[in-house]
Amino acid sequence: MKLIILFIIILSNSISSKENYKFTIMGNTLKNSSIELPDKSIFNMFDSKGAFTDNQGNIGDFFGQGVRKTNNKGILIDVNAIVIFKIDNKSSMWGFPTRVESDLEVGAGYFDVFSASGNLKELLGKRCQYGLTVTREKSFVMQGFCK
């Protein structure tokens, strides 16, 4: 009986871990240029690059590119960007991020996976939640999960 209970616990943990894909990204902004608009808001173009790891044992490269707009108080009000996760074995995941209104240096949001292949193909169509923190030297750490 104890063996059956142990098996059920292990099986439920295995199923639960497959439901939630978890990732951590560490990276840098490679290019970052801004234009101040007449209302003192900022239009910012960026390219970022880094590495990621996940709870499936994958390690790969991360790329992000896009434009952000902040209001005259530095609060993010709009983002149009793409995020790409790539693993050496030709696996990849692509998403368009959406951020909630927040300080540009720290925030949370989500991206919907519109393309996924290889080891990451089960993430196609999933929504991934994330939190982002930027360091003093403009590196960033992003952690999140997909359901």
C-alpha atoms as a PDB file:
ATOM      1  CA  MET A   1       0.000   0.000   0.000  1.00  0.00           C
ATOM      2  CA  LYS A   2       2.819   2.441   0.900  1.00  0.00           C
ATOM      3  CA  LEU A   3       4.428   1.684  -2.451  1.00  0.00           C
ATOM      4  CA  ILE A   4       1.215   2.595  -4.289  1.00  0.00           C
ATOM      5  CA  ILE A   5       0.901   5.879  -2.352  1.00  0.00           C
ATOM      6  CA  LEU A   6       4.548   6.710  -3.087  1.00  0.00           C
ATOM      7  CA  PHE A   7       3.983   5.968  -6.783  1.00  0.00           C
ATOM      8  CA  ILE A   8       0.903   8.231  -6.864  1.00  0.00           C
ATOM      9  CA  ILE A   9       2.853  11.077  -5.200  1.00  0.00           C
ATOM     10  CA  ILE A  10       5.742  10.726  -7.657  1.00  0.00           C
ATOM     11  CA  LEU A  11       3.346  10.563 -10.608  1.00  0.00           C
ATOM     12  CA  SER A  12       1.392  13.648  -9.484  1.00  0.00           C
ATOM     13  CA  ASN A  13       4.634  15.619  -8.983  1.00  0.00           C
ATOM     14  CA  SER A  14       5.775  14.563 -12.455  1.00  0.00           C
ATOM     15  CA  ILE A  15       2.479  15.651 -14.019  1.00  0.00           C
ATOM     16  CA  SER A  16       2.534  18.934 -12.073  1.00  0.00           C
ATOM     17  CA  SER A  17       6.093  19.740 -13.171  1.00  0.00           C
ATOM     18  CA  LYS A  18       5.124  19.143 -16.824  1.00  0.00           C
ATOM     19  CA  GLU A  19       2.194  21.563 -16.486  1.00  0.00           C
ATOM     20  CA  ASN A  20       4.404  24.432 -15.354  1.00  0.00           C
ATOM     21  CA  TYR A  21       7.427  25.186 -17.471  1.00  0.00           C
ATOM     22  CA  LYS A  22       9.789  27.427 -15.447  1.00  0.00           C
ATOM     23  CA  PHE A  23      12.637  29.527 -16.805  1.00  0.00           C
ATOM     24  CA  THR A  24      15.329  31.973 -15.675  1.00  0.00           C
ATOM     25  CA  ILE A  25      17.059  34.423 -18.013  1.00  0.00           C
ATOM     26  CA  MET A  26      20.115  36.560 -17.294  1.00  0.00           C
ATOM     27  CA  GLY A  27      21.193  39.052 -19.928  1.00  0.00           C
ATOM     28  CA  ASN A  28      22.326  42.465 -21.048  1.00  0.00           C
ATOM     29  CA  THR A  29      20.987  45.226 -23.211  1.00  0.00           C
ATOM     30  CA  LEU A  30      23.262  45.405 -26.254  1.00  0.00           C
ATOM     31  CA  LYS A  31      21.770  48.469 -27.898  1.00  0.00           C
ATOM     32  CA  ASN A  32      19.550  50.977 -26.235  1.00  0.00           C
ATOM     33  CA  SER A  33      18.593  54.272 -27.818  1.00  0.00           C
ATOM     34  CA  SER A  34      15.919  56.715 -26.777  1.00  0.00           C
ATOM     35  CA  ILE A  35      14.088  59.678 -28.182  1.00  0.00           C
ATOM     36  CA  GLU A  36      12.340  62.161 -25.913  1.00  0.00           C
ATOM     37  CA  LEU A  37       8.928  63.083 -27.278  1.00  0.00           C
ATOM     38  CA  PRO A  38       7.409  66.590 -26.994  1.00  0.00           C
ATOM     39  CA  ASP A  39       5.324  65.560 -23.940  1.00  0.00           C
ATOM     40  CA  LYS A  40       8.560  64.425 -22.187  1.00  0.00           C
ATOM     41  CA  SER A  41       7.686  60.739 -22.590  1.00  0.00           C
ATOM     42  CA  ILE A  42      10.414  58.449 -23.921  1.00  0.00           C
ATOM     43  CA  PHE A  43      10.407  56.219 -27.002  1.00  0.00           C
ATOM     44  CA  ASN A  44      13.096  53.542 -26.440  1.00  0.00           C
ATOM     45  CA  MET A  45      14.494  51.000 -28.919  1.00  0.00           C
ATOM     46  CA  PHE A  46      16.396  48.012 -27.481  1.00  0.00           C
ATOM     47  CA  ASP A  47      18.238  44.805 -28.354  1.00  0.00           C
ATOM     48  CA  SER A  48      18.996  42.364 -25.566  1.00  0.00           C
ATOM     49  CA  LYS A  49      20.838  39.087 -25.385  1.00  0.00           C
ATOM     50  CA  GLY A  50      21.483  36.540 -22.666  1.00  0.00           C
ATOM     51  CA  ALA A  51      21.238  32.940 -21.593  1.00  0.00           C
ATOM     52  CA  PHE A  52      18.391  30.941 -20.091  1.00  0.00           C
ATOM     53  CA  THR A  53      17.892  27.739 -18.190  1.00  0.00           C
ATOM     54  CA  ASP A  54      14.679  25.905 -17.391  1.00  0.00           C
ATOM     55  CA  ASN A  55      13.239  23.210 -15.165  1.00  0.00           C
ATOM     56  CA  GLN A  56      13.598  20.638 -17.972  1.00  0.00           C
ATOM     57  CA  GLY A  57      17.398  20.846 -17.866  1.00  0.00           C
ATOM     58  CA  ASN A  58      17.714  22.949 -21.014  1.00  0.00           C
ATOM     59  CA  ILE A  59      20.334  25.691 -21.335  1.00  0.00           C
ATOM     60  CA  GLY A  60      20.237  28.064 -24.272  1.00  0.00           C
ATOM     61  CA  ASP A  61      20.380  31.564 -25.661  1.00  0.00           C
ATOM     62  CA  PHE A  62      17.854  34.349 -25.228  1.00  0.00           C
ATOM     63  CA  PHE A  63      17.234  37.263 -27.585  1.00  0.00           C
ATOM     64  CA  GLY A  64      14.870  40.205 -27.234  1.00  0.00           C
ATOM     65  CA  GLN A  65      14.231  43.177 -29.467  1.00  0.00           C
ATOM     66  CA  GLY A  66      11.649  45.899 -29.553  1.00  0.00           C
ATOM     67  CA  VAL A  67      10.437  49.345 -28.633  1.00  0.00           C
ATOM     68  CA  ARG A  68       9.073  50.675 -25.346  1.00  0.00           C
ATOM     69  CA  LYS A  69       7.333  53.895 -24.474  1.00  0.00           C
ATOM     70  CA  THR A  70       7.402  55.389 -20.990  1.00  0.00           C
ATOM     71  CA  ASN A  71       5.446  58.372 -19.775  1.00  0.00           C
ATOM     72  CA  ASN A  72       7.130  61.529 -18.467  1.00  0.00           C
ATOM     73  CA  LYS A  73       7.500  59.869 -15.029  1.00  0.00           C
ATOM     74  CA  GLY A  74       9.430  56.837 -16.365  1.00  0.00           C
ATOM     75  CA  ILE A  75       6.464  54.461 -16.115  1.00  0.00           C
ATOM     76  CA  LEU A  76       6.226  51.927 -18.955  1.00  0.00           C
ATOM     77  CA  ILE A  77       2.992  52.426 -20.887  1.00  0.00           C
ATOM     78  CA  ASP A  78       3.552  50.430 -24.085  1.00  0.00           C
ATOM     79  CA  VAL A  79       5.852  47.712 -25.420  1.00  0.00           C
ATOM     80  CA  ASN A  80       6.096  46.133 -28.858  1.00  0.00           C
ATOM     81  CA  ALA A  81       8.767  43.439 -28.757  1.00  0.00           C
ATOM     82  CA  ILE A  82       9.722  39.850 -29.434  1.00  0.00           C
ATOM     83  CA  VAL A  83      11.454  37.304 -27.187  1.00  0.00           C
ATOM     84  CA  ILE A  84      13.250  34.229 -28.527  1.00  0.00           C
ATOM     85  CA  PHE A  85      14.587  31.214 -26.618  1.00  0.00           C
ATOM     86  CA  LYS A  86      16.973  28.961 -28.609  1.00  0.00           C
ATOM     87  CA  ILE A  87      18.677  25.698 -27.665  1.00  0.00           C
ATOM     88  CA  ASP A  88      21.649  24.267 -29.598  1.00  0.00           C
ATOM     89  CA  ASN A  89      19.650  21.231 -30.725  1.00  0.00           C
ATOM     90  CA  LYS A  90      17.409  23.416 -32.931  1.00  0.00           C
ATOM     91  CA  SER A  91      14.680  23.825 -30.336  1.00  0.00           C
ATOM     92  CA  SER A  92      13.163  27.297 -30.036  1.00  0.00           C
ATOM     93  CA  MET A  93      10.300  29.281 -28.569  1.00  0.00           C
ATOM     94  CA  TRP A  94       9.088  32.693 -29.793  1.00  0.00           C
ATOM     95  CA  GLY A  95       6.721  35.103 -28.054  1.00  0.00           C
ATOM     96  CA  PHE A  96       5.379  38.655 -28.069  1.00  0.00           C
ATOM     97  CA  PRO A  97       5.629  40.148 -24.549  1.00  0.00           C
ATOM     98  CA  THR A  98       3.078  42.382 -22.858  1.00  0.00           C
ATOM     99  CA  ARG A  99       3.992  44.337 -19.729  1.00  0.00           C
ATOM    100  CA  VAL A 100       1.690  45.834 -17.179  1.00  0.00           C
ATOM    101  CA  GLU A 101       2.213  49.525 -16.401  1.00  0.00           C
ATOM    102  CA  SER A 102       5.273  49.728 -14.192  1.00  0.00           C
ATOM    103  CA  ASP A 103       8.670  51.287 -13.683  1.00  0.00           C
ATOM    104  CA  LEU A 104      10.893  50.416 -16.653  1.00  0.00           C
ATOM    105  CA  GLU A 105      13.580  48.940 -14.354  1.00  0.00           C
ATOM    106  CA  VAL A 106      11.309  46.392 -12.671  1.00  0.00           C
ATOM    107  CA  GLY A 107       8.054  44.867 -13.749  1.00  0.00           C
ATOM    108  CA  ALA A 108       5.950  41.913 -14.667  1.00  0.00           C
ATOM    109  CA  GLY A 109       4.065  40.773 -17.687  1.00  0.00           C
ATOM    110  CA  TYR A 110       3.427  37.841 -19.947  1.00  0.00           C
ATOM    111  CA  PHE A 111       4.092  36.569 -23.439  1.00  0.00           C
ATOM    112  CA  ASP A 112       2.066  34.236 -25.595  1.00  0.00           C
ATOM    113  CA  VAL A 113       4.099  31.572 -27.390  1.00  0.00           C
ATOM    114  CA  PHE A 114       3.312  31.786 -31.127  1.00  0.00           C
ATOM    115  CA  SER A 115       6.042  29.406 -32.346  1.00  0.00           C
ATOM    116  CA  ALA A 116       7.802  26.484 -30.621  1.00  0.00           C
ATOM    117  CA  SER A 117       9.837  23.540 -31.868  1.00  0.00           C
ATOM    118  CA  GLY A 118      11.953  20.602 -30.711  1.00  0.00           C
ATOM    119  CA  ASN A 119      12.199  20.187 -26.923  1.00  0.00           C
ATOM    120  CA  LEU A 120      10.016  23.271 -26.458  1.00  0.00           C
ATOM    121  CA  LYS A 121       7.183  22.390 -28.885  1.00  0.00           C
ATOM    122  CA  GLU A 122       4.736  21.566 -26.068  1.00  0.00           C
ATOM    123  CA  LEU A 123       4.803  25.284 -25.154  1.00  0.00           C
ATOM    124  CA  LEU A 124       3.113  26.369 -28.399  1.00  0.00           C
ATOM    125  CA  GLY A 125       0.006  28.380 -27.542  1.00  0.00           C
ATOM    126  CA  LYS A 126       0.911  28.697 -23.839  1.00  0.00           C
ATOM    127  CA  ARG A 127       0.930  31.942 -21.865  1.00  0.00           C
ATOM    128  CA  CYS A 128       4.137  32.619 -19.929  1.00  0.00           C
ATOM    129  CA  GLN A 129       4.112  34.952 -16.915  1.00  0.00           C
ATOM    130  CA  TYR A 130       7.357  36.710 -15.982  1.00  0.00           C
ATOM    131  CA  GLY A 131       8.975  39.166 -13.612  1.00  0.00           C
ATOM    132  CA  LEU A 132      11.911  41.361 -14.611  1.00  0.00           C
ATOM    133  CA  THR A 133      14.546  43.251 -12.624  1.00  0.00           C
ATOM    134  CA  VAL A 134      17.281  45.460 -14.101  1.00  0.00           C
ATOM    135  CA  THR A 135      20.621  45.961 -12.336  1.00  0.00           C
ATOM    136  CA  ARG A 136      22.483  49.219 -11.916  1.00  0.00           C
ATOM    137  CA  GLU A 137      24.722  48.326 -14.900  1.00  0.00           C
ATOM    138  CA  LYS A 138      21.653  47.558 -17.085  1.00  0.00           C
ATOM    139  CA  SER A 139      21.900  43.757 -16.936  1.00  0.00           C
ATOM    140  CA  PHE A 140      18.606  42.016 -16.286  1.00  0.00           C
ATOM    141  CA  VAL A 141      17.199  38.925 -14.627  1.00  0.00           C
ATOM    142  CA  MET A 142      13.860  37.534 -15.766  1.00  0.00           C
ATOM    143  CA  GLN A 143      12.083  34.602 -14.140  1.00  0.00           C
ATOM    144  CA  GLY A 144       8.823  33.076 -15.170  1.00  0.00           C
ATOM    145  CA  PHE A 145       6.607  30.110 -15.869  1.00  0.00           C
ATOM    146  CA  CYS A 146       4.293  28.930 -18.620  1.00  0.00           C
ATOM    147  CA  LYS A 147       0.951  27.143 -18.251  1.00  0.00           C
END
